[in-house]
C-alpha atoms as a PDB file:
ATOM      1  CA  MET A   1       5.652 -11.002 -21.105  1.00  0.00           C
ATOM      2  CA  HIS A   2       7.200  -7.706 -20.010  1.00  0.00           C
ATOM      3  CA  GLU A   3       9.536  -7.352 -17.058  1.00  0.00           C
ATOM      4  CA  PRO A   4       7.691  -6.007 -13.998  1.00  0.00           C
ATOM      5  CA  LEU A   5       8.124  -2.312 -13.243  1.00  0.00           C
ATOM      6  CA  PHE A   6       8.858  -3.057  -9.609  1.00  0.00           C
ATOM      7  CA  GLU A   7       9.811  -6.003  -7.379  1.00  0.00           C
ATOM      8  CA  VAL A   8      10.647  -6.713  -3.782  1.00  0.00           C
ATOM      9  CA  ARG A   9      12.758  -9.831  -3.270  1.00  0.00           C
ATOM     10  CA  ASN A  10      12.991 -11.619   0.069  1.00  0.00           C
ATOM     11  CA  LEU A  11      12.475  -8.303   1.827  1.00  0.00           C
ATOM     12  CA  LYS A  12      13.009  -8.165   5.588  1.00  0.00           C
ATOM     13  CA  LYS A  13      12.756  -5.360   8.113  1.00  0.00           C
ATOM     14  CA  TYR A  14      13.546  -6.057  11.750  1.00  0.00           C
ATOM     15  CA  PHE A  15      13.386  -3.351  14.420  1.00  0.00           C
ATOM     16  CA  ASP A  16      15.489  -3.615  17.545  1.00  0.00           C
ATOM     17  CA  VAL A  17      13.252  -3.611  20.637  1.00  0.00           C
ATOM     18  CA  LYS A  18      15.243  -3.907  23.860  1.00  0.00           C
ATOM     19  CA  GLY A  19      17.774  -6.180  22.220  1.00  0.00           C
ATOM     20  CA  LYS A  20      15.207  -8.347  20.425  1.00  0.00           C
ATOM     21  CA  ASP A  21      14.177  -8.345  16.772  1.00  0.00           C
ATOM     22  CA  LEU A  22      10.649  -7.192  15.980  1.00  0.00           C
ATOM     23  CA  ARG A  23      10.043  -8.871  12.622  1.00  0.00           C
ATOM     24  CA  ALA A  24       7.788  -6.313  10.940  1.00  0.00           C
ATOM     25  CA  VAL A  25       8.461  -7.669   7.431  1.00  0.00           C
ATOM     26  CA  ASP A  26       9.826 -11.195   7.244  1.00  0.00           C
ATOM     27  CA  ASP A  27      10.877 -12.477   3.803  1.00  0.00           C
ATOM     28  CA  VAL A  28       8.298 -10.912   1.487  1.00  0.00           C
ATOM     29  CA  SER A  29       8.513 -11.059  -2.319  1.00  0.00           C
ATOM     30  CA  PHE A  30       6.197  -9.689  -5.002  1.00  0.00           C
ATOM     31  CA  SER A  31       6.204  -7.750  -8.261  1.00  0.00           C
ATOM     32  CA  ILE A  32       4.010  -5.061  -9.793  1.00  0.00           C
ATOM     33  CA  ASN A  33       3.472  -4.627 -13.516  1.00  0.00           C
ATOM     34  CA  GLU A  34       3.438  -1.228 -15.153  1.00  0.00           C
ATOM     35  CA  GLY A  35       0.034   0.476 -15.048  1.00  0.00           C
ATOM     36  CA  GLU A  36      -1.613  -1.898 -12.569  1.00  0.00           C
ATOM     37  CA  THR A  37      -2.744  -1.500  -8.974  1.00  0.00           C
ATOM     38  CA  MET A  38      -1.529  -4.035  -6.443  1.00  0.00           C
ATOM     39  CA  GLY A  39      -3.576  -4.151  -3.248  1.00  0.00           C
ATOM     40  CA  LEU A  40      -1.837  -5.053   0.023  1.00  0.00           C
ATOM     41  CA  VAL A  41      -4.220  -5.824   2.887  1.00  0.00           C
ATOM     42  CA  GLY A  42      -4.131  -7.058   6.454  1.00  0.00           C
ATOM     43  CA  GLU A  43      -4.814  -6.085  10.036  1.00  0.00           C
ATOM     44  CA  SER A  44      -3.020  -3.201  11.706  1.00  0.00           C
ATOM     45  CA  GLY A  45       0.512  -4.229  12.638  1.00  0.00           C
ATOM     46  CA  CYS A  46       0.893  -6.876   9.919  1.00  0.00           C
ATOM     47  CA  GLY A  47       3.773  -4.984   8.253  1.00  0.00           C
ATOM     48  CA  LYS A  48       2.084  -3.549   5.182  1.00  0.00           C
ATOM     49  CA  SER A  49       2.881   0.117   5.925  1.00  0.00           C
ATOM     50  CA  THR A  50       6.464  -0.830   6.762  1.00  0.00           C
ATOM     51  CA  ILE A  51       6.769  -2.253   3.242  1.00  0.00           C
ATOM     52  CA  GLY A  52       5.545   1.065   1.861  1.00  0.00           C
ATOM     53  CA  ASN A  53       8.105   2.971   3.912  1.00  0.00           C
ATOM     54  CA  LEU A  54      10.869   0.658   2.727  1.00  0.00           C
ATOM     55  CA  ILE A  55       9.915   1.197  -0.903  1.00  0.00           C
ATOM     56  CA  VAL A  56      10.089   5.003  -0.652  1.00  0.00           C
ATOM     57  CA  ARG A  57      13.303   4.663   1.407  1.00  0.00           C
ATOM     58  CA  LEU A  58      11.936   6.082   4.667  1.00  0.00           C
ATOM     59  CA  HIS A  59      13.312   2.893   6.272  1.00  0.00           C
ATOM     60  CA  GLU A  60      16.415   0.899   5.460  1.00  0.00           C
ATOM     61  CA  GLU A  61      15.810  -2.809   4.899  1.00  0.00           C
ATOM     62  CA  THR A  62      17.389  -5.484   7.099  1.00  0.00           C
ATOM     63  CA  ALA A  63      17.810  -7.767   4.082  1.00  0.00           C
ATOM     64  CA  GLY A  64      16.468  -8.286   0.590  1.00  0.00           C
ATOM     65  CA  GLY A  65      16.251  -6.298  -2.622  1.00  0.00           C
ATOM     66  CA  ILE A  66      13.966  -3.584  -3.976  1.00  0.00           C
ATOM     67  CA  ILE A  67      14.127  -3.627  -7.761  1.00  0.00           C
ATOM     68  CA  PHE A  68      12.830  -0.691  -9.810  1.00  0.00           C
ATOM     69  CA  GLU A  69      13.106  -0.888 -13.598  1.00  0.00           C
ATOM     70  CA  GLY A  70      15.717  -3.619 -13.261  1.00  0.00           C
ATOM     71  CA  GLU A  71      17.952  -1.832 -10.721  1.00  0.00           C
ATOM     72  CA  ASP A  72      18.265  -2.584  -7.012  1.00  0.00           C
ATOM     73  CA  ILE A  73      17.603   0.785  -5.379  1.00  0.00           C
ATOM     74  CA  THR A  74      18.809  -0.486  -1.993  1.00  0.00           C
ATOM     75  CA  LYS A  75      22.320  -0.104  -3.426  1.00  0.00           C
ATOM     76  CA  TYR A  76      21.835   3.558  -4.343  1.00  0.00           C
ATOM     77  CA  ASN A  77      23.948   6.289  -2.774  1.00  0.00           C
ATOM     78  CA  LYS A  78      22.462   9.505  -1.366  1.00  0.00           C
ATOM     79  CA  LYS A  79      22.445  11.318  -4.713  1.00  0.00           C
ATOM     80  CA  GLU A  80      20.831   8.369  -6.502  1.00  0.00           C
ATOM     81  CA  LYS A  81      18.182   8.056  -3.777  1.00  0.00           C
ATOM     82  CA  ARG A  82      17.309  11.705  -4.322  1.00  0.00           C
ATOM     83  CA  SER A  83      16.887  11.121  -8.047  1.00  0.00           C
ATOM     84  CA  ILE A  84      14.587   8.114  -7.538  1.00  0.00           C
ATOM     85  CA  CYS A  85      12.108  10.410  -5.750  1.00  0.00           C
ATOM     86  CA  LYS A  86      10.993  11.596  -9.180  1.00  0.00           C
ATOM     87  CA  ASP A  87       9.858   8.094 -10.075  1.00  0.00           C
ATOM     88  CA  ILE A  88       8.588   6.747  -6.731  1.00  0.00           C
ATOM     89  CA  GLN A  89       6.264   8.808  -4.535  1.00  0.00           C
ATOM     90  CA  MET A  90       3.937   8.218  -1.583  1.00  0.00           C
ATOM     91  CA  ILE A  91       0.452   9.334  -0.564  1.00  0.00           C
ATOM     92  CA  PHE A  92       0.337   9.251   3.221  1.00  0.00           C
ATOM     93  CA  GLN A  93      -2.485   8.029   5.403  1.00  0.00           C
ATOM     94  CA  ASP A  94      -3.226  11.154   7.398  1.00  0.00           C
ATOM     95  CA  PRO A  95      -3.832  14.383   5.441  1.00  0.00           C
ATOM     96  CA  TYR A  96      -3.952  16.240   8.761  1.00  0.00           C
ATOM     97  CA  THR A  97      -0.275  15.601   9.526  1.00  0.00           C
ATOM     98  CA  SER A  98       1.368  14.937   6.144  1.00  0.00           C
ATOM     99  CA  LEU A  99       1.182  18.586   5.004  1.00  0.00           C
ATOM    100  CA  ASN A 100       3.351  21.343   6.443  1.00  0.00           C
ATOM    101  CA  PRO A 101       0.982  23.529   8.526  1.00  0.00           C
ATOM    102  CA  LYS A 102       3.275  26.550   8.155  1.00  0.00           C
ATOM    103  CA  LYS A 103       3.052  26.636   4.357  1.00  0.00           C
ATOM    104  CA  THR A 104       0.256  27.660   2.032  1.00  0.00           C
ATOM    105  CA  VAL A 105      -1.099  25.168  -0.483  1.00  0.00           C
ATOM    106  CA  TYR A 106       0.847  27.021  -3.187  1.00  0.00           C
ATOM    107  CA  LYS A 107       4.146  26.625  -1.317  1.00  0.00           C
ATOM    108  CA  ILE A 108       3.410  22.944  -0.634  1.00  0.00           C
ATOM    109  CA  LEU A 109       2.841  22.267  -4.320  1.00  0.00           C
ATOM    110  CA  CYS A 110       5.892  24.302  -5.306  1.00  0.00           C
ATOM    111  CA  GLU A 111       8.216  22.295  -3.089  1.00  0.00           C
ATOM    112  CA  PRO A 112       8.810  19.191  -5.296  1.00  0.00           C
ATOM    113  CA  PHE A 113       9.732  21.373  -8.295  1.00  0.00           C
ATOM    114  CA  VAL A 114      12.029  23.544  -6.180  1.00  0.00           C
ATOM    115  CA  VAL A 115      13.771  20.652  -4.402  1.00  0.00           C
ATOM    116  CA  GLN A 116      14.432  18.876  -7.687  1.00  0.00           C
ATOM    117  CA  LYS A 117      15.430  22.191  -9.351  1.00  0.00           C
ATOM    118  CA  ILE A 118      12.901  21.725 -12.134  1.00  0.00           C
ATOM    119  CA  ALA A 119      11.214  25.133 -12.273  1.00  0.00           C
ATOM    120  CA  SER A 120      11.201  28.631 -10.799  1.00  0.00           C
ATOM    121  CA  GLY A 121       9.445  31.963 -11.275  1.00  0.00           C
ATOM    122  CA  SER A 122       6.624  32.070 -13.822  1.00  0.00           C
ATOM    123  CA  GLU A 123       7.352  28.516 -14.989  1.00  0.00           C
ATOM    124  CA  LEU A 124       6.893  27.274 -11.425  1.00  0.00           C
ATOM    125  CA  ARG A 125       3.578  29.098 -11.111  1.00  0.00           C
ATOM    126  CA  LYS A 126       2.453  27.590 -14.416  1.00  0.00           C
ATOM    127  CA  LYS A 127       3.303  24.069 -13.269  1.00  0.00           C
ATOM    128  CA  VAL A 128       1.399  24.500  -9.995  1.00  0.00           C
ATOM    129  CA  HIS A 129      -1.666  25.774 -11.862  1.00  0.00           C
ATOM    130  CA  GLU A 130      -1.475  22.808 -14.252  1.00  0.00           C
ATOM    131  CA  LEU A 131      -1.269  20.486 -11.257  1.00  0.00           C
ATOM    132  CA  CYS A 132      -4.403  22.067  -9.778  1.00  0.00           C
ATOM    133  CA  GLU A 133      -6.249  21.582 -13.057  1.00  0.00           C
ATOM    134  CA  ILE A 134      -5.269  17.922 -13.256  1.00  0.00           C
ATOM    135  CA  THR A 135      -6.364  17.180  -9.661  1.00  0.00           C
ATOM    136  CA  ARG A 136      -9.406  19.520  -9.676  1.00  0.00           C
ATOM    137  CA  ILE A 137      -8.082  21.834  -6.964  1.00  0.00           C
ATOM    138  CA  PRO A 138      -9.717  25.300  -7.175  1.00  0.00           C
ATOM    139  CA  LEU A 139      -7.065  27.986  -7.633  1.00  0.00           C
ATOM    140  CA  GLU A 140      -8.491  30.016  -4.750  1.00  0.00           C
ATOM    141  CA  LEU A 141      -7.248  27.300  -2.367  1.00  0.00           C
ATOM    142  CA  LEU A 142      -3.632  28.089  -3.194  1.00  0.00           C
ATOM    143  CA  LYS A 143      -3.631  30.915  -0.653  1.00  0.00           C
ATOM    144  CA  LYS A 144      -5.054  28.698   2.098  1.00  0.00           C
ATOM    145  CA  TYR A 145      -3.193  26.838   4.837  1.00  0.00           C
ATOM    146  CA  PRO A 146      -3.880  23.120   5.500  1.00  0.00           C
ATOM    147  CA  HIS A 147      -5.800  23.802   8.735  1.00  0.00           C
ATOM    148  CA  GLU A 148      -8.330  25.837   6.730  1.00  0.00           C
ATOM    149  CA  LEU A 149      -9.305  22.844   4.571  1.00  0.00           C
ATOM    150  CA  ASP A 150     -11.321  19.669   5.166  1.00  0.00           C
ATOM    151  CA  GLY A 151      -9.796  16.189   5.029  1.00  0.00           C
ATOM    152  CA  GLY A 152     -10.806  15.485   1.443  1.00  0.00           C
ATOM    153  CA  LYS A 153      -9.218  18.665   0.093  1.00  0.00           C
ATOM    154  CA  ARG A 154      -6.076  18.049   2.130  1.00  0.00           C
ATOM    155  CA  GLN A 155      -5.740  14.536   0.738  1.00  0.00           C
ATOM    156  CA  THR A 156      -6.293  15.868  -2.794  1.00  0.00           C
ATOM    157  CA  ILE A 157      -3.400  18.245  -2.200  1.00  0.00           C
ATOM    158  CA  GLY A 158      -1.335  15.274  -0.995  1.00  0.00           C
ATOM    159  CA  ILE A 159      -2.175  13.479  -4.235  1.00  0.00           C
ATOM    160  CA  ALA A 160      -1.268  16.538  -6.295  1.00  0.00           C
ATOM    161  CA  ARG A 161       2.075  16.749  -4.518  1.00  0.00           C
ATOM    162  CA  ALA A 162       2.684  13.028  -5.149  1.00  0.00           C
ATOM    163  CA  ILE A 163       2.042  13.258  -8.920  1.00  0.00           C
ATOM    164  CA  SER A 164       3.837  16.592  -9.406  1.00  0.00           C
ATOM    165  CA  LEU A 165       7.042  15.022 -10.758  1.00  0.00           C
ATOM    166  CA  SER A 166       5.185  12.479 -12.956  1.00  0.00           C
ATOM    167  CA  PRO A 167       6.217   9.397 -10.959  1.00  0.00           C
ATOM    168  CA  LYS A 168       5.895   5.913 -12.387  1.00  0.00           C
ATOM    169  CA  LEU A 169       5.033   4.269  -9.032  1.00  0.00           C
ATOM    170  CA  ILE A 170       2.991   5.683  -6.149  1.00  0.00           C
ATOM    171  CA  VAL A 171       2.675   3.956  -2.778  1.00  0.00           C
ATOM    172  CA  CYS A 172      -0.783   4.734  -1.377  1.00  0.00           C
ATOM    173  CA  ASP A 173      -0.620   4.097   2.379  1.00  0.00           C
ATOM    174  CA  GLU A 174      -4.198   3.911   3.689  1.00  0.00           C
ATOM    175  CA  PRO A 175      -5.035   7.082   1.700  1.00  0.00           C
ATOM    176  CA  VAL A 176      -8.759   7.117   2.509  1.00  0.00           C
ATOM    177  CA  SER A 177      -8.958   5.490   5.956  1.00  0.00           C
ATOM    178  CA  SER A 178      -9.353   8.805   7.809  1.00  0.00           C
ATOM    179  CA  LEU A 179     -11.998  10.197   5.444  1.00  0.00           C
ATOM    180  CA  ASP A 180     -15.799  10.029   5.355  1.00  0.00           C
ATOM    181  CA  VAL A 181     -17.254   7.405   3.008  1.00  0.00           C
ATOM    182  CA  SER A 182     -18.511   9.959   0.459  1.00  0.00           C
ATOM    183  CA  ILE A 183     -15.092  11.636   0.364  1.00  0.00           C
ATOM    184  CA  GLN A 184     -13.398   8.236   0.084  1.00  0.00           C
ATOM    185  CA  ALA A 185     -15.240   7.621  -3.189  1.00  0.00           C
ATOM    186  CA  GLN A 186     -14.077  10.966  -4.597  1.00  0.00           C
ATOM    187  CA  ILE A 187     -10.442  10.246  -3.744  1.00  0.00           C
ATOM    188  CA  ILE A 188     -10.564   6.700  -5.152  1.00  0.00           C
ATOM    189  CA  ASN A 189     -12.152   7.954  -8.380  1.00  0.00           C
ATOM    190  CA  LEU A 190      -9.480  10.650  -8.673  1.00  0.00           C
ATOM    191  CA  LEU A 191      -6.710   8.053  -8.271  1.00  0.00           C
ATOM    192  CA  MET A 192      -8.281   5.811 -10.907  1.00  0.00           C
ATOM    193  CA  ASP A 193      -8.720   8.714 -13.341  1.00  0.00           C
ATOM    194  CA  LEU A 194      -5.087   9.738 -12.869  1.00  0.00           C
ATOM    195  CA  GLN A 195      -3.992   6.167 -13.540  1.00  0.00           C
ATOM    196  CA  LYS A 196      -5.913   6.092 -16.822  1.00  0.00           C
ATOM    197  CA  GLU A 197      -4.605   9.476 -17.913  1.00  0.00           C
ATOM    198  CA  ARG A 198      -0.980   9.125 -16.817  1.00  0.00           C
ATOM    199  CA  GLY A 199      -0.311   5.366 -16.653  1.00  0.00           C
ATOM    200  CA  ILE A 200       0.662   5.469 -12.964  1.00  0.00           C
ATOM    201  CA  THR A 201       1.339   2.207 -11.146  1.00  0.00           C
ATOM    202  CA  TYR A 202      -0.027   1.929  -7.590  1.00  0.00           C
ATOM    203  CA  LEU A 203       0.756  -0.115  -4.522  1.00  0.00           C
ATOM    204  CA  PHE A 204      -2.462   0.408  -2.562  1.00  0.00           C
ATOM    205  CA  ILE A 205      -2.140  -0.414   1.139  1.00  0.00           C
ATOM    206  CA  SER A 206      -5.312  -0.767   3.192  1.00  0.00           C
ATOM    207  CA  HIS A 207      -7.165  -2.781   5.817  1.00  0.00           C
ATOM    208  CA  ASP A 208     -10.467  -2.156   3.990  1.00  0.00           C
ATOM    209  CA  LEU A 209     -11.046  -4.992   1.529  1.00  0.00           C
ATOM    210  CA  SER A 210     -14.086  -3.375  -0.080  1.00  0.00           C
ATOM    211  CA  VAL A 211     -11.991  -0.345  -1.061  1.00  0.00           C
ATOM    212  CA  VAL A 212      -9.114  -2.532  -2.240  1.00  0.00           C
ATOM    213  CA  LYS A 213     -11.404  -4.627  -4.431  1.00  0.00           C
ATOM    214  CA  HIS A 214     -12.723  -1.513  -6.152  1.00  0.00           C
ATOM    215  CA  ILE A 215      -9.316  -0.176  -7.179  1.00  0.00           C
ATOM    216  CA  SER A 216      -6.949  -3.173  -7.335  1.00  0.00           C
ATOM    217  CA  THR A 217      -5.987  -5.476 -10.183  1.00  0.00           C
ATOM    218  CA  ARG A 218      -4.398  -8.019  -7.833  1.00  0.00           C
ATOM    219  CA  ILE A 219      -4.429  -8.381  -4.048  1.00  0.00           C
ATOM    220  CA  LYS A 220      -1.926  -9.758  -1.549  1.00  0.00           C
ATOM    221  CA  VAL A 221      -3.009 -10.603   1.996  1.00  0.00           C
ATOM    222  CA  MET A 222      -0.474 -10.134   4.824  1.00  0.00           C
ATOM    223  CA  TYR A 223      -0.429 -11.624   8.291  1.00  0.00           C
ATOM    224  CA  LEU A 224       2.288 -10.962  10.872  1.00  0.00           C
ATOM    225  CA  GLY A 225       4.970  -9.963   8.371  1.00  0.00           C
ATOM    226  CA  LYS A 226       4.190 -12.688   5.785  1.00  0.00           C
ATOM    227  CA  ILE A 227       2.159 -12.943   2.587  1.00  0.00           C
ATOM    228  CA  VAL A 228      -0.441 -15.682   3.115  1.00  0.00           C
ATOM    229  CA  GLU A 229      -2.476 -15.389  -0.094  1.00  0.00           C
ATOM    230  CA  GLU A 230      -2.315 -13.602  -3.430  1.00  0.00           C
ATOM    231  CA  ALA A 231      -4.695 -13.577  -6.382  1.00  0.00           C
ATOM    232  CA  LYS A 232      -6.454 -11.422  -8.908  1.00  0.00           C
ATOM    233  CA  SER A 233      -9.003  -9.205  -7.179  1.00  0.00           C
ATOM    234  CA  ASP A 234     -12.156 -10.911  -8.486  1.00  0.00           C
ATOM    235  CA  ASP A 235     -10.694 -14.367  -7.898  1.00  0.00           C
ATOM    236  CA  LEU A 236      -9.753 -13.600  -4.304  1.00  0.00           C
ATOM    237  CA  PHE A 237     -13.279 -12.449  -3.487  1.00  0.00           C
ATOM    238  CA  ALA A 238     -14.908 -15.347  -5.349  1.00  0.00           C
ATOM    239  CA  ARG A 239     -12.592 -18.109  -4.048  1.00  0.00           C
ATOM    240  CA  PRO A 240     -10.709 -17.134  -0.881  1.00  0.00           C
ATOM    241  CA  MET A 241      -8.589 -20.099   0.222  1.00  0.00           C
ATOM    242  CA  HIS A 242      -6.561 -19.113   3.267  1.00  0.00           C
ATOM    243  CA  PRO A 243      -8.531 -19.174   6.543  1.00  0.00           C
ATOM    244  CA  TYR A 244      -7.311 -15.670   7.393  1.00  0.00           C
ATOM    245  CA  THR A 245      -8.542 -14.299   4.054  1.00  0.00           C
ATOM    246  CA  LYS A 246     -11.900 -15.968   4.624  1.00  0.00           C
ATOM    247  CA  ALA A 247     -12.166 -14.317   8.036  1.00  0.00           C
ATOM    248  CA  LEU A 248     -11.342 -10.890   6.581  1.00  0.00           C
ATOM    249  CA  LEU A 249     -13.872 -11.275   3.774  1.00  0.00           C
ATOM    250  CA  SER A 250     -16.587 -12.432   6.149  1.00  0.00           C
ATOM    251  CA  ALA A 251     -16.394  -9.018   7.808  1.00  0.00           C
ATOM    252  CA  VAL A 252     -16.977  -7.095   4.561  1.00  0.00           C
ATOM    253  CA  PRO A 253     -20.598  -5.845   4.531  1.00  0.00           C
ATOM    254  CA  SER A 254     -22.776  -6.710   1.551  1.00  0.00           C
ATOM    255  CA  VAL A 255     -25.267  -4.272   0.041  1.00  0.00           C
ATOM    256  CA  ARG A 256     -27.390  -7.149  -1.293  1.00  0.00           C
ATOM    257  CA  SER A 257     -30.024  -8.560   1.044  1.00  0.00           C
ATOM    258  CA  ASP A 258     -29.868 -11.965  -0.679  1.00  0.00           C
ATOM    259  CA  GLN A 259     -26.167 -12.372   0.128  1.00  0.00           C
ATOM    260  CA  SER A 260     -26.102 -13.167   3.811  1.00  0.00           C
ATOM    261  CA  LYS A 261     -22.890 -14.710   5.126  1.00  0.00           C
ATOM    262  CA  ASP A 262     -21.667 -16.027   8.425  1.00  0.00           C
ATOM    263  CA  ARG A 263     -19.155 -13.829  10.179  1.00  0.00           C
ATOM    264  CA  ILE A 264     -15.954 -15.655  11.165  1.00  0.00           C
ATOM    265  CA  ILE A 265     -14.846 -14.430  14.573  1.00  0.00           C
ATOM    266  CA  LEU A 266     -11.164 -15.022  15.178  1.00  0.00           C
ATOM    267  CA  GLU A 267     -10.344 -16.018  18.730  1.00  0.00           C
ATOM    268  CA  GLY A 268      -7.087 -15.411  20.534  1.00  0.00           C
ATOM    269  CA  ASP A 269      -4.553 -12.636  20.181  1.00  0.00           C
ATOM    270  CA  VAL A 270      -2.235 -11.938  17.286  1.00  0.00           C
ATOM    271  CA  PRO A 271       1.187 -13.417  18.225  1.00  0.00           C
ATOM    272  CA  SER A 272       4.008 -10.998  18.937  1.00  0.00           C
ATOM    273  CA  PRO A 273       6.225 -10.146  15.952  1.00  0.00           C
ATOM    274  CA  ILE A 274       9.111 -10.142  18.450  1.00  0.00           C
ATOM    275  CA  ASP A 275       8.594 -13.822  19.144  1.00  0.00           C
ATOM    276  CA  PRO A 276       6.537 -15.299  16.273  1.00  0.00           C
ATOM    277  CA  PRO A 277       5.467 -18.910  16.709  1.00  0.00           C
ATOM    278  CA  PRO A 278       7.106 -21.723  14.738  1.00  0.00           C
ATOM    279  CA  GLY A 279       5.128 -23.180  11.893  1.00  0.00           C
ATOM    280  CA  CYS A 280       2.176 -21.222  10.546  1.00  0.00           C
ATOM    281  CA  ARG A 281       1.888 -17.833  12.233  1.00  0.00           C
ATOM    282  CA  PHE A 282      -1.892 -17.969  11.949  1.00  0.00           C
ATOM    283  CA  ALA A 283      -2.225 -21.436  13.490  1.00  0.00           C
ATOM    284  CA  GLN A 284      -3.042 -20.225  17.018  1.00  0.00           C
ATOM    285  CA  ARG A 285      -6.176 -18.484  15.711  1.00  0.00           C
ATOM    286  CA  CYS A 286      -7.118 -20.936  12.954  1.00  0.00           C
ATOM    287  CA  TRP A 287     -10.086 -23.312  13.237  1.00  0.00           C
ATOM    288  CA  MET A 288      -8.504 -25.619  10.625  1.00  0.00           C
ATOM    289  CA  ALA A 289      -5.107 -25.990  12.327  1.00  0.00           C
ATOM    290  CA  LYS A 290      -3.529 -29.430  12.806  1.00  0.00           C
ATOM    291  CA  ASP A 291      -0.310 -30.545  14.471  1.00  0.00           C
ATOM    292  CA  ILE A 292       1.751 -29.867  11.348  1.00  0.00           C
ATOM    293  CA  CYS A 293       0.622 -26.224  11.378  1.00  0.00           C
ATOM    294  CA  LEU A 294       2.312 -25.715  14.742  1.00  0.00           C
ATOM    295  CA  THR A 295       5.696 -26.979  13.582  1.00  0.00           C
ATOM    296  CA  ASP A 296       6.075 -26.556   9.801  1.00  0.00           C
ATOM    297  CA  GLU A 297       5.817 -23.171   8.104  1.00  0.00           C
ATOM    298  CA  PRO A 298       3.671 -23.395   4.928  1.00  0.00           C
ATOM    299  CA  GLN A 299       5.090 -21.902   1.731  1.00  0.00           C
ATOM    300  CA  LEU A 300       3.239 -19.932  -0.912  1.00  0.00           C
ATOM    301  CA  VAL A 301       2.216 -22.462  -3.559  1.00  0.00           C
ATOM    302  CA  ASP A 302       0.099 -22.358  -6.697  1.00  0.00           C
ATOM    303  CA  ALA A 303      -3.513 -23.064  -5.802  1.00  0.00           C
ATOM    304  CA  GLY A 304      -5.400 -22.020  -8.909  1.00  0.00           C
ATOM    305  CA  PRO A 305      -5.164 -20.323 -12.297  1.00  0.00           C
ATOM    306  CA  ASP A 306      -3.820 -16.815 -12.981  1.00  0.00           C
ATOM    307  CA  GLY A 307      -1.316 -16.764 -10.151  1.00  0.00           C
ATOM    308  CA  HIS A 308      -3.579 -17.624  -7.227  1.00  0.00           C
ATOM    309  CA  ARG A 309      -1.145 -18.692  -4.488  1.00  0.00           C
ATOM    310  CA  VAL A 310      -1.733 -19.660  -0.872  1.00  0.00           C
ATOM    311  CA  ALA A 311       0.460 -20.449   2.134  1.00  0.00           C
ATOM    312  CA  CYS A 312      -1.579 -23.128   3.938  1.00  0.00           C
ATOM    313  CA  HIS A 313      -1.184 -26.850   4.619  1.00  0.00           C
ATOM    314  CA  PHE A 314      -4.905 -27.532   4.251  1.00  0.00           C
ATOM    315  CA  LEU A 315      -6.890 -26.059   1.388  1.00  0.00           C
ATOM    316  CA  ASP A 316     -10.568 -26.592   0.633  1.00  0.00           C
END
């Protein structure tokens, strides 16, 4: 067994809201192996994007470790953080706001090489052209500004920028959620092709389980700052165990007419991350909840082969 490329250990991120802690990420641990895609799913506000921002150091953690190639990057100084940008990059959710509107596509793609002092002049131009070839960006787009392009082309440029320095890990934060379905498929296929060609490791964050299943090796399900279930992709879809996972999967449409399924409608509101309930955080919306669920927090435990783990007191 090889050491994982990347780990988060007991990661916490609390935001101060009028003197109270908003527990966006509350004691989360997981690892990602080199060359795989880890899917991270959950409803909006569950903390998954905050984890992505912590990994690329856009936020500082409240507690916990972020281990990359055996080193805790939370201990890095400013210079070391700058150097880690070569190895860890991010593809942002919204291609309409993640690109500088005042720069041409050429200038946007030049920026990583210039900031890291890797290339200039004719060598810089050569690297940008190579990047366009790899990501299938027509060279005539280099003179365009972001507002002149559609969402799919903008996101492709975002991907090209992310892979420019040959990173080992890319955090994909809802990279296709704002795109049309046909464009989503093109972007997903591009990401998968790049992974095969370059051995990139992905953390793929999304609320869309059908997309996550297509691209991910393993999937972790988050609810209110906690991981509630984790499994290999096929196993999670075949044998969901946590009630929350079952509810999410019941909402995924099926293209087969012989696979009808009952939709699980969750009642009640998601508890506030400022004042999460004791016990299981899903208990107030769970049809299986018992008294113990309201008082004792369930821990992630082995519930099947190949690392299938669930945080629930009552499993089918």
